Amino acid sequence: MHLFEFNLYPVPVGSMEGIGDAFEEGRPSFWKKTSKAVPGRPSPKRDLKSNSFKSSSTSTSFQDFQESVNDAWDLADDDICGSTGVTISSRVAQSAALSVINNHRNTAGGEDDRPAQQPILSEQKKTEAIQRLALLHNTQAAPTSLAHHTPHHARQFPGRPQPLRGLPSSGSREGEESSKLERFQPLLESTLLNLEDLRQLSWSGIPVKVRAITWRLLSGYVPANLERRQQVLEQKRQDYWNLVKQYFDTDRDEAYEDTYRQIHIDIPRMSPLIALFQQLTVQEMFERILYIWAIRHPASGYVQGMNDLVTPFFIVFLQEAIPSDCDLDTFDVAHLSKEQRDIIEADSFWCLSKFLDGIQDNYIFAQLGIQRKVNQLKELIQRIDTPLHRHLQQHGVDYLQFSFRWMNNLLTRELPLYCTIRLWDTYLAESDGFASFQLYVCAAFLMHWRQELLQEKDFQGLMLMLQNLPTQRWTDSEISIVVAEAYRLKFTFADAPNHLQSGDR
């Protein structure tokens, strides 16, 4: 994948002033600064002056952490972030990852073997170490030998599990799905659909057989009127392909050449463990979707990692087009007819556009919307779980370092894909838009791991835990628990604005 998923955005310092504790005057930004233009964004052209970082004392635990990732530090950030093609050896990346994991696991018994530590470690080094850990996590294939670990490290390090291989369905679960389907079908077949009833029914999950049409309706892509639905679908699909012919199939404007080049670089890195997304046909479909979206939204343009937000729509509409007994992970999309592929691509584009309309401030220059939400998450956790908040603060973990990715990628990098799709059933069903609800989902998600996090006693352990949360075996049940807790938090705090304002520290 790419750096976006691990909080490595180059954010100008000036745009971050006054936002959260992480941006206090005199403290360096967590993000690496760069003078390079961000592809697809109308960023102001100005000289970025180099900032000097003040050295500050850091705990021994972080110094241990720095030493444990030394084997990954030969990879230069500029080489990865640049617009040119990069080839990364999976063997080298896997070896480096195993070294980090083994060092972390053997910390207690390996103190004497460590090199001499410097008494003072600069904040810049700490920032770079976090960035490189994220890069290391991002560029390697998960080794099968790591599938059987003990305690909370019982997870695949690094990388995500194969998300398209669903878990076996029990008889009771199949019965529940059938029962729910019986309630959906009359509603979807009604002449004038009641969207509020559909939202209420969809909030707790949507059956696979009707998920595609339900997502189209909930996202506002097609009208509630049954008679007009097919006509609108055909018109919107044709509109999309007209945009492709106008902007993608012709000589591209020089102003968007960098945007296309960045998309072209990012797409092959997408979900390296999933064979479906390595197919050339699929990658070309994603390129067109992302490019057309970028030129239609110049205020934000393309942002690295946005392809993660296309995948749930793509999978849902692909499931609608193929037999239910097909293995999505290995299905060859090129075997579909051109008409079927065109429908999947156009529907994915329009639903993505509708979905992102409510959170576009997350992707405009400096991404102020995400910065604000990260700060709100910090304040919310401080009020509802003070011991956990203090534990993170005492060990130097800033909320920006882990929750930026949660907010930006909508937890797609923390969950298996089938769980992400179930979560998005609820997001799309939120009557007032999911943007505010996601704050409480992230809070509930963090609190779900509070016991494991409280057991970690250093910066290294906390960051490894937060970057590799063990959700491989999660099912709809765990997602239902998280969204139920998120609803409770929203019901308690959403109408109490003082709970989301800075209080006494």
Protein backbone atom coordinates (compact mmCIF):
# COMPACT_ATOMS: atom_id res chain seq x y z
CA MET A 1 0.00 0.00 0.00
CA HIS A 2 1.14 3.55 0.50
CA LEU A 3 2.09 6.06 3.11
CA PHE A 4 -1.22 7.79 3.39
CA GLU A 5 -2.59 4.86 5.39
CA PHE A 6 -0.03 5.35 8.08
CA ASN A 7 -0.39 9.02 8.79
CA LEU A 8 2.49 10.29 6.71
CA TYR A 9 0.85 13.35 5.19
CA PRO A 10 3.10 16.33 4.54
CA VAL A 11 0.99 19.06 6.19
CA PRO A 12 2.23 22.67 6.11
CA VAL A 13 3.03 24.00 9.54
CA GLY A 14 1.14 27.23 9.13
CA SER A 15 -2.16 25.44 8.62
CA MET A 16 -1.79 23.45 11.81
CA GLU A 17 -1.35 26.30 14.29
CA GLY A 18 -3.84 26.35 17.11
CA ILE A 19 -5.25 22.89 16.41
CA GLY A 20 -4.81 20.45 19.26
CA ASP A 21 -1.96 20.00 21.66
CA ALA A 22 0.14 18.46 18.92
CA PHE A 23 0.35 21.82 17.20
CA GLU A 24 1.26 24.05 20.13
CA GLU A 25 3.72 26.80 19.45
CA GLY A 26 7.26 25.70 19.93
CA ARG A 27 6.56 22.04 19.28
CA PRO A 28 7.43 20.40 15.95
CA SER A 29 4.74 18.96 13.75
CA PHE A 30 4.40 15.18 13.67
CA TRP A 31 4.38 15.32 9.88
CA LYS A 32 7.49 15.44 7.77
CA LYS A 33 7.63 18.76 5.96
CA THR A 34 8.18 18.93 2.25
CA SER A 35 8.24 21.62 -0.37
CA LYS A 36 6.80 19.31 -3.00
CA ALA A 37 3.38 20.16 -4.38
CA VAL A 38 0.61 17.78 -3.42
CA PRO A 39 -0.76 16.30 -6.68
CA GLY A 40 -4.29 17.38 -7.48
CA ARG A 41 -4.46 20.13 -4.86
CA PRO A 42 -4.43 23.89 -5.39
CA SER A 43 -1.84 24.34 -2.69
CA PRO A 44 -0.48 27.88 -2.34
CA LYS A 45 3.00 28.30 -3.75
CA ARG A 46 5.31 29.56 -1.09
CA ASP A 47 8.73 28.83 0.18
CA LEU A 48 8.74 26.52 3.14
CA LYS A 49 11.45 27.54 5.51
CA SER A 50 13.28 24.77 7.20
CA ASN A 51 12.50 24.53 10.87
CA SER A 52 15.01 23.57 13.45
CA PHE A 53 13.91 21.00 15.97
CA LYS A 54 14.77 21.34 19.61
CA SER A 55 16.23 18.35 21.30
CA SER A 56 14.29 16.99 24.21
CA SER A 57 14.63 14.10 26.56
CA THR A 58 12.76 10.95 25.67
CA SER A 59 12.07 7.79 27.62
CA THR A 60 14.39 4.84 27.36
CA SER A 61 11.52 2.84 25.91
CA PHE A 62 11.50 5.00 22.83
CA GLN A 63 15.27 4.75 22.49
CA ASP A 64 14.82 0.99 22.49
CA PHE A 65 12.14 1.43 19.85
CA GLN A 66 14.50 3.50 17.69
CA GLU A 67 17.18 0.84 17.86
CA SER A 68 14.70 -1.93 17.05
CA VAL A 69 13.82 -0.34 13.69
CA ASN A 70 17.35 0.61 12.63
CA ASP A 71 17.29 -2.08 9.97
CA ALA A 72 14.49 -0.22 8.16
CA TRP A 73 16.15 3.20 8.15
CA ASP A 74 17.96 2.76 4.85
CA LEU A 75 14.67 3.48 3.08
CA ALA A 76 14.51 7.20 2.39
CA ASP A 77 11.11 8.86 2.76
CA ASP A 78 11.65 10.94 -0.35
CA ASP A 79 12.29 7.81 -2.37
CA ILE A 80 8.93 6.40 -1.31
CA CYS A 81 6.89 9.61 -1.42
CA GLY A 82 8.21 10.81 -4.76
CA SER A 83 6.29 10.71 -7.96
CA THR A 84 8.63 8.29 -9.69
CA GLY A 85 8.20 4.53 -9.80
CA VAL A 86 9.65 2.55 -6.94
CA THR A 87 10.35 -1.14 -6.59
CA ILE A 88 10.51 -2.50 -3.05
CA SER A 89 11.87 -5.96 -2.40
CA SER A 90 9.27 -7.91 -0.45
CA ARG A 91 12.02 -10.25 0.81
CA VAL A 92 13.99 -7.37 2.31
CA ALA A 93 10.83 -5.81 3.74
CA GLN A 94 9.72 -9.12 5.27
CA SER A 95 13.14 -9.67 6.82
CA ALA A 96 13.09 -6.18 8.31
CA ALA A 97 9.60 -6.70 9.69
CA LEU A 98 10.56 -9.98 11.36
CA SER A 99 13.55 -8.29 12.92
CA VAL A 100 11.35 -5.56 14.41
CA ILE A 101 8.87 -8.11 15.74
CA ASN A 102 11.52 -10.35 17.25
CA ASN A 103 13.26 -7.40 18.88
CA HIS A 104 9.96 -6.29 20.36
CA ARG A 105 9.07 -9.77 21.60
CA ASN A 106 12.50 -10.36 23.13
CA THR A 107 12.88 -6.93 24.71
CA ALA A 108 12.93 -8.30 28.25
CA GLY A 109 15.83 -10.65 27.58
CA GLY A 110 17.90 -8.58 25.20
CA GLU A 111 18.76 -5.41 27.07
CA ASP A 112 22.44 -6.24 27.40
CA ASP A 113 22.87 -6.74 23.66
CA ARG A 114 21.69 -3.28 22.71
CA PRO A 115 24.12 -0.62 21.48
CA ALA A 116 24.91 2.26 23.82
CA GLN A 117 22.03 4.75 23.92
CA GLN A 118 22.34 8.49 23.53
CA PRO A 119 21.13 10.28 26.69
CA ILE A 120 19.08 12.76 24.63
CA LEU A 121 16.97 11.96 21.57
CA SER A 122 15.61 14.73 19.39
CA GLU A 123 11.92 15.11 18.59
CA GLN A 124 12.84 14.85 14.90
CA LYS A 125 14.24 11.36 15.46
CA LYS A 126 11.06 10.35 17.24
CA THR A 127 8.97 11.62 14.33
CA GLU A 128 11.12 9.82 11.78
CA ALA A 129 10.97 6.58 13.74
CA ILE A 130 7.18 6.61 13.79
CA GLN A 131 7.10 7.38 10.08
CA ARG A 132 9.50 4.59 9.25
CA LEU A 133 7.63 2.09 11.40
CA ALA A 134 4.49 2.95 9.45
CA LEU A 135 6.39 2.63 6.16
CA LEU A 136 7.81 -0.71 7.23
CA HIS A 137 4.37 -1.95 8.19
CA ASN A 138 2.99 -0.72 4.88
CA THR A 139 5.35 -2.31 2.35
CA GLN A 140 5.67 -5.97 3.27
CA ALA A 141 3.78 -9.19 2.76
CA ALA A 142 2.56 -10.93 5.88
CA PRO A 143 4.65 -14.07 6.57
CA THR A 144 2.64 -17.19 7.21
CA SER A 145 4.94 -18.22 10.02
CA LEU A 146 3.53 -15.40 12.14
CA ALA A 147 0.00 -16.75 12.17
CA HIS A 148 0.36 -18.52 15.52
CA HIS A 149 1.54 -16.27 18.32
CA THR A 150 0.47 -16.02 21.90
CA PRO A 151 -1.10 -13.31 24.17
CA HIS A 152 -2.17 -10.10 22.40
CA HIS A 153 0.52 -10.53 19.77
CA ALA A 154 -1.55 -13.33 18.23
CA ARG A 155 -1.89 -11.54 14.93
CA GLN A 156 -0.20 -11.35 11.58
CA PHE A 157 2.69 -8.89 11.68
CA PRO A 158 2.64 -6.89 9.57
CA GLY A 159 -0.12 -6.41 6.99
CA ARG A 160 -3.76 -7.32 7.01
CA PRO A 161 -5.39 -10.75 6.72
CA GLN A 162 -6.96 -11.92 3.49
CA PRO A 163 -10.15 -9.88 3.82
CA LEU A 164 -12.22 -11.35 0.99
CA ARG A 165 -12.40 -14.85 2.38
CA GLY A 166 -15.48 -14.68 4.56
CA LEU A 167 -15.92 -16.75 7.66
CA PRO A 168 -18.14 -19.86 7.51
CA SER A 169 -21.76 -19.04 8.18
CA SER A 170 -23.56 -20.85 10.94
CA GLY A 171 -27.12 -22.08 10.55
CA SER A 172 -28.45 -19.43 12.93
CA ARG A 173 -26.66 -16.69 11.03
CA GLU A 174 -28.11 -17.87 7.72
CA GLY A 175 -31.55 -17.92 9.33
CA GLU A 176 -31.09 -14.37 10.60
CA GLU A 177 -30.01 -13.24 7.12
CA SER A 178 -33.07 -14.88 5.57
CA SER A 179 -35.39 -13.31 8.12
CA LYS A 180 -33.92 -9.88 7.52
CA LEU A 181 -34.17 -10.30 3.75
CA GLU A 182 -37.91 -10.87 4.09
CA ARG A 183 -38.23 -7.44 5.71
CA PHE A 184 -36.07 -5.68 3.09
CA GLN A 185 -37.71 -6.99 -0.07
CA PRO A 186 -41.23 -5.54 0.37
CA LEU A 187 -39.71 -2.18 1.27
CA LEU A 188 -37.39 -2.10 -1.75
CA GLU A 189 -40.21 -3.14 -4.09
CA SER A 190 -42.62 -0.46 -2.90
CA THR A 191 -43.59 2.17 -5.48
CA LEU A 192 -42.42 5.06 -3.31
CA LEU A 193 -39.82 3.86 -0.86
CA ASN A 194 -39.72 5.34 2.66
CA LEU A 195 -36.02 6.16 3.10
CA GLU A 196 -36.34 6.60 6.86
CA ASP A 197 -37.70 3.07 7.21
CA LEU A 198 -34.87 1.79 5.02
CA ARG A 199 -32.29 3.55 7.18
CA GLN A 200 -33.69 2.07 10.36
CA LEU A 201 -33.70 -1.41 8.87
CA SER A 202 -30.21 -1.04 7.41
CA TRP A 203 -28.53 0.36 10.53
CA SER A 204 -27.94 -3.09 12.02
CA GLY A 205 -26.69 -4.61 8.75
CA ILE A 206 -27.92 -5.33 5.23
CA PRO A 207 -28.31 -8.79 3.64
CA VAL A 208 -25.81 -9.46 0.86
CA LYS A 209 -28.51 -10.09 -1.76
CA VAL A 210 -29.95 -6.57 -1.46
CA ARG A 211 -26.90 -4.66 -0.28
CA ALA A 212 -26.04 -3.19 -3.70
CA ILE A 213 -29.44 -1.63 -4.38
CA THR A 214 -29.75 -0.53 -0.75
CA TRP A 215 -26.38 1.24 -0.86
CA ARG A 216 -27.41 3.04 -4.06
CA LEU A 217 -30.58 4.27 -2.35
CA LEU A 218 -28.97 5.23 0.97
CA SER A 219 -26.18 7.15 -0.73
CA GLY A 220 -28.69 9.16 -2.76
CA TYR A 221 -27.43 7.82 -6.07
CA VAL A 222 -30.89 6.66 -7.22
CA PRO A 223 -34.34 8.04 -6.34
CA ALA A 224 -36.85 6.45 -3.99
CA ASN A 225 -39.44 6.37 -6.78
CA LEU A 226 -39.35 2.85 -8.25
CA GLU A 227 -40.57 3.92 -11.71
CA ARG A 228 -37.77 6.49 -12.17
CA ARG A 229 -35.00 4.34 -10.70
CA GLN A 230 -33.83 2.49 -13.81
CA GLN A 231 -34.00 5.60 -15.98
CA VAL A 232 -31.84 7.56 -13.55
CA LEU A 233 -29.34 4.70 -13.27
CA GLU A 234 -28.90 4.52 -17.03
CA GLN A 235 -28.50 8.29 -17.32
CA LYS A 236 -25.94 8.54 -14.50
CA ARG A 237 -23.92 5.66 -15.87
CA GLN A 238 -23.83 7.32 -19.27
CA ASP A 239 -22.81 10.61 -17.64
CA TYR A 240 -19.84 8.89 -16.03
CA TRP A 241 -18.62 7.41 -19.28
CA ASN A 242 -19.00 10.79 -20.99
CA LEU A 243 -16.67 12.20 -18.31
CA VAL A 244 -14.20 9.41 -18.98
CA LYS A 245 -14.20 10.15 -22.70
CA GLN A 246 -13.83 13.88 -22.10
CA TYR A 247 -11.10 13.86 -19.48
CA PHE A 248 -9.42 10.45 -19.33
CA ASP A 249 -9.37 9.05 -22.86
CA THR A 250 -8.00 12.26 -24.37
CA ASP A 251 -4.77 14.18 -23.89
CA ARG A 252 -4.80 15.14 -20.24
CA ASP A 253 -4.43 18.72 -19.07
CA GLU A 254 -0.92 19.40 -17.81
CA ALA A 255 -2.42 20.69 -14.57
CA TYR A 256 -3.66 17.16 -13.80
CA GLU A 257 -0.68 15.21 -15.09
CA ASP A 258 0.83 14.93 -11.60
CA THR A 259 -2.51 13.72 -10.29
CA TYR A 260 -2.69 10.93 -12.86
CA ARG A 261 0.94 9.96 -12.27
CA GLN A 262 0.40 9.68 -8.51
CA ILE A 263 -2.73 7.56 -8.98
CA HIS A 264 -0.88 5.37 -11.47
CA ILE A 265 1.88 4.81 -8.89
CA ASP A 266 -0.46 4.15 -5.97
CA ILE A 267 -2.90 1.71 -7.53
CA PRO A 268 -0.46 -1.22 -7.99
CA ARG A 269 0.44 -0.93 -4.30
CA MET A 270 -3.21 -1.36 -3.34
CA SER A 271 -4.01 -4.36 -1.11
CA PRO A 272 -0.96 -6.45 -2.12
CA LEU A 273 -2.32 -9.51 -0.27
CA ILE A 274 -5.54 -9.61 -2.31
CA ALA A 275 -5.23 -11.15 -5.76
CA LEU A 276 -8.38 -9.41 -7.02
CA PHE A 277 -6.81 -5.96 -6.70
CA GLN A 278 -3.66 -6.99 -8.52
CA GLN A 279 -5.59 -7.66 -11.73
CA LEU A 280 -4.78 -5.13 -14.46
CA THR A 281 -8.46 -4.76 -15.38
CA VAL A 282 -9.36 -3.82 -11.80
CA GLN A 283 -6.45 -1.39 -11.49
CA GLU A 284 -7.48 0.39 -14.70
CA MET A 285 -11.03 0.73 -13.35
CA PHE A 286 -9.74 2.27 -10.13
CA GLU A 287 -7.50 4.67 -12.06
CA ARG A 288 -10.44 6.06 -14.01
CA ILE A 289 -12.66 6.36 -10.92
CA LEU A 290 -10.05 8.22 -8.89
CA TYR A 291 -8.89 10.46 -11.71
CA ILE A 292 -12.40 11.61 -12.64
CA TRP A 293 -13.23 12.17 -8.96
CA ALA A 294 -10.08 14.28 -8.53
CA ILE A 295 -10.74 16.62 -11.44
CA ARG A 296 -14.38 17.04 -10.37
CA HIS A 297 -13.26 18.03 -6.85
CA PRO A 298 -10.40 20.50 -7.32
CA ALA A 299 -10.63 21.78 -3.75
CA SER A 300 -9.26 18.48 -2.53
CA GLY A 301 -8.08 16.58 -5.58
CA TYR A 302 -6.67 13.11 -5.27
CA VAL A 303 -5.25 12.12 -1.90
CA GLN A 304 -3.01 9.11 -1.48
CA GLY A 305 -4.98 6.22 -0.03
CA MET A 306 -8.34 7.33 -1.36
CA ASN A 307 -8.46 4.05 -3.26
CA ASP A 308 -9.26 2.37 0.08
CA LEU A 309 -12.58 4.21 0.06
CA VAL A 310 -13.45 2.85 -3.40
CA THR A 311 -12.91 -0.82 -2.50
CA PRO A 312 -16.08 -1.40 -0.40
CA PHE A 313 -18.30 -0.03 -3.18
CA PHE A 314 -16.40 -1.98 -5.81
CA ILE A 315 -16.75 -5.26 -3.88
CA VAL A 316 -20.47 -4.76 -3.17
CA PHE A 317 -21.29 -4.06 -6.82
CA LEU A 318 -19.03 -6.89 -7.99
CA GLN A 319 -20.86 -9.30 -5.65
CA GLU A 320 -24.10 -8.28 -7.32
CA ALA A 321 -22.73 -9.17 -10.76
CA ILE A 322 -21.23 -12.61 -10.09
CA PRO A 323 -22.65 -15.91 -8.77
CA SER A 324 -22.82 -16.15 -4.98
CA ASP A 325 -20.58 -19.22 -4.87
CA CYS A 326 -17.64 -17.48 -6.62
CA ASP A 327 -14.46 -16.76 -4.68
CA LEU A 328 -14.06 -12.99 -4.86
CA ASP A 329 -10.37 -13.16 -4.06
CA THR A 330 -9.54 -15.15 -7.20
CA PHE A 331 -12.37 -14.14 -9.53
CA ASP A 332 -11.12 -12.78 -12.86
CA VAL A 333 -13.02 -9.55 -13.49
CA ALA A 334 -11.98 -9.65 -17.15
CA HIS A 335 -14.40 -12.58 -17.58
CA LEU A 336 -17.35 -10.26 -16.98
CA SER A 337 -18.94 -8.64 -20.00
CA LYS A 338 -17.93 -5.06 -20.79
CA GLU A 339 -21.44 -3.92 -19.90
CA GLN A 340 -21.18 -5.50 -16.44
CA ARG A 341 -17.74 -3.97 -15.81
CA ASP A 342 -18.98 -0.56 -16.93
CA ILE A 343 -21.92 -0.75 -14.52
CA ILE A 344 -19.67 -1.70 -11.57
CA GLU A 345 -17.25 1.11 -12.36
CA ALA A 346 -19.87 3.83 -12.86
CA ASP A 347 -21.86 2.87 -9.77
CA SER A 348 -18.68 2.78 -7.66
CA PHE A 349 -17.79 6.27 -8.87
CA TRP A 350 -21.15 7.88 -8.15
CA CYS A 351 -21.59 6.21 -4.75
CA LEU A 352 -18.06 7.23 -3.75
CA SER A 353 -18.82 10.80 -4.78
CA LYS A 354 -22.02 10.90 -2.73
CA PHE A 355 -20.31 9.21 0.21
CA LEU A 356 -17.45 11.72 0.31
CA ASP A 357 -19.63 14.80 -0.10
CA GLY A 358 -20.19 14.95 3.65
CA ILE A 359 -16.52 14.69 4.58
CA GLN A 360 -14.77 16.62 1.82
CA ASP A 361 -13.16 18.92 4.39
CA ASN A 362 -11.16 15.85 5.43
CA TYR A 363 -9.27 16.06 2.14
CA ILE A 364 -8.89 19.76 1.37
CA PHE A 365 -5.54 21.46 1.80
CA ALA A 366 -4.11 20.77 5.31
CA GLN A 367 -7.01 18.37 6.03
CA LEU A 368 -8.43 20.57 8.77
CA GLY A 369 -11.53 18.40 9.14
CA ILE A 370 -9.46 15.42 10.27
CA GLN A 371 -7.30 17.52 12.56
CA ARG A 372 -10.43 18.80 14.26
CA LYS A 373 -11.88 15.30 14.67
CA VAL A 374 -8.63 13.94 16.09
CA ASN A 375 -8.67 16.70 18.68
CA GLN A 376 -12.31 15.95 19.51
CA LEU A 377 -11.47 12.26 19.93
CA LYS A 378 -8.73 13.16 22.39
CA GLU A 379 -11.08 15.33 24.43
CA LEU A 380 -13.83 12.70 24.36
CA ILE A 381 -11.56 9.89 25.58
CA GLN A 382 -10.16 12.18 28.28
CA ARG A 383 -13.68 12.62 29.66
CA ILE A 384 -15.04 9.09 29.32
CA ASP A 385 -11.89 7.06 30.09
CA THR A 386 -9.37 9.18 31.98
CA PRO A 387 -7.07 6.24 32.95
CA LEU A 388 -6.64 5.22 29.30
CA HIS A 389 -6.08 8.81 28.22
CA ARG A 390 -3.43 9.36 30.90
CA HIS A 391 -1.73 6.07 30.04
CA LEU A 392 -1.33 7.13 26.39
CA GLN A 393 -0.11 10.58 27.38
CA GLN A 394 2.39 9.31 29.96
CA HIS A 395 4.08 7.13 27.37
CA GLY A 396 4.29 9.86 24.74
CA VAL A 397 1.58 8.56 22.39
CA ASP A 398 -0.20 11.39 20.60
CA TYR A 399 -3.69 10.69 19.27
CA LEU A 400 -2.64 12.11 15.91
CA GLN A 401 -0.12 9.30 15.53
CA PHE A 402 -2.76 6.57 15.28
CA SER A 403 -6.23 8.10 14.89
CA PHE A 404 -5.40 10.22 11.84
CA ARG A 405 -5.46 7.03 9.77
CA TRP A 406 -8.70 5.91 11.45
CA MET A 407 -10.43 9.15 10.52
CA ASN A 408 -8.86 9.47 7.10
CA ASN A 409 -9.38 5.92 5.86
CA LEU A 410 -12.60 5.36 7.83
CA LEU A 411 -11.07 2.32 9.59
CA THR A 412 -10.61 0.45 6.30
CA ARG A 413 -6.99 -0.31 7.23
CA GLU A 414 -7.91 -1.55 10.72
CA LEU A 415 -10.61 -4.04 9.73
CA PRO A 416 -11.01 -6.96 7.33
CA LEU A 417 -12.89 -5.83 4.24
CA TYR A 418 -16.08 -7.78 5.02
CA CYS A 419 -16.19 -6.01 8.41
CA THR A 420 -15.63 -2.64 6.74
CA ILE A 421 -18.61 -3.33 4.48
CA ARG A 422 -20.78 -4.18 7.49
CA LEU A 423 -19.63 -0.98 9.24
CA TRP A 424 -20.49 1.05 6.15
CA ASP A 425 -24.03 -0.37 6.24
CA THR A 426 -24.39 1.67 9.43
CA TYR A 427 -22.49 4.69 8.11
CA LEU A 428 -24.78 4.93 5.07
CA ALA A 429 -27.86 4.47 7.25
CA GLU A 430 -27.01 7.43 9.50
CA SER A 431 -29.77 9.92 8.74
CA ASP A 432 -27.65 13.01 9.51
CA GLY A 433 -24.58 11.71 7.68
CA PHE A 434 -21.90 9.53 9.16
CA ALA A 435 -19.24 12.24 9.60
CA SER A 436 -20.17 13.01 13.20
CA PHE A 437 -21.00 9.41 14.05
CA GLN A 438 -17.57 8.22 12.98
CA LEU A 439 -15.99 10.16 15.85
CA TYR A 440 -17.91 7.97 18.31
CA VAL A 441 -17.12 4.80 16.34
CA CYS A 442 -13.41 5.61 16.67
CA ALA A 443 -13.85 6.26 20.39
CA ALA A 444 -15.67 2.95 20.87
CA PHE A 445 -13.05 1.16 18.75
CA LEU A 446 -10.23 2.54 20.91
CA MET A 447 -12.01 1.66 24.16
CA HIS A 448 -12.56 -1.88 22.89
CA TRP A 449 -8.79 -2.40 23.29
CA ARG A 450 -8.36 -0.54 26.58
CA GLN A 451 -7.32 -3.58 28.64
CA GLU A 452 -4.64 -4.61 26.15
CA LEU A 453 -3.40 -1.03 25.83
CA LEU A 454 -3.19 -0.56 29.61
CA GLN A 455 -1.00 -3.65 29.80
CA GLU A 456 1.56 -2.11 27.45
CA LYS A 457 4.18 -0.26 29.46
CA ASP A 458 6.19 1.62 26.85
CA PHE A 459 5.86 3.72 23.72
CA GLN A 460 7.04 0.92 21.46
CA GLY A 461 4.47 -1.59 22.68
CA LEU A 462 1.62 0.91 22.46
CA MET A 463 2.47 1.98 18.91
CA LEU A 464 2.87 -1.59 17.69
CA MET A 465 -0.47 -2.46 19.26
CA LEU A 466 -2.28 0.56 17.82
CA GLN A 467 -0.79 0.04 14.35
CA ASN A 468 -1.59 -3.70 14.32
CA LEU A 469 -4.87 -4.19 16.16
CA PRO A 470 -5.79 -7.93 16.03
CA THR A 471 -9.07 -7.79 14.11
CA GLN A 472 -8.33 -10.67 11.71
CA ARG A 473 -11.05 -12.89 13.17
CA TRP A 474 -13.65 -10.20 13.66
CA THR A 475 -17.16 -10.83 12.37
CA ASP A 476 -20.37 -8.82 12.13
CA SER A 477 -20.88 -9.45 15.85
CA GLU A 478 -17.84 -7.38 16.87
CA ILE A 479 -18.83 -4.58 14.50
CA SER A 480 -22.34 -4.58 15.97
CA ILE A 481 -20.88 -4.22 19.46
CA VAL A 482 -18.68 -1.29 18.39
CA VAL A 483 -21.48 0.60 16.62
CA ALA A 484 -23.85 -0.01 19.54
CA GLU A 485 -21.30 1.48 21.94
CA ALA A 486 -20.73 4.34 19.48
CA TYR A 487 -24.47 5.03 19.44
CA ARG A 488 -24.51 5.12 23.25
CA LEU A 489 -21.63 7.61 23.27
CA LYS A 490 -23.27 9.77 20.62
CA PHE A 491 -26.59 9.74 22.46
CA THR A 492 -24.81 10.79 25.65
CA PHE A 493 -22.39 13.39 24.32
CA ALA A 494 -23.55 14.69 20.92
CA ASP A 495 -26.10 17.05 22.44
CA ALA A 496 -23.77 18.07 25.26
CA PRO A 497 -21.32 20.40 23.47
CA ASN A 498 -19.34 21.08 26.65
CA HIS A 499 -18.14 17.49 26.52
CA LEU A 500 -16.40 18.24 23.24
CA GLN A 501 -14.74 21.43 24.41
CA SER A 502 -11.40 21.76 26.11
CA GLY A 503 -11.74 21.55 29.85
CA ASP A 504 -9.28 21.64 32.71
CA ARG A 505 -6.28 19.47 32.04
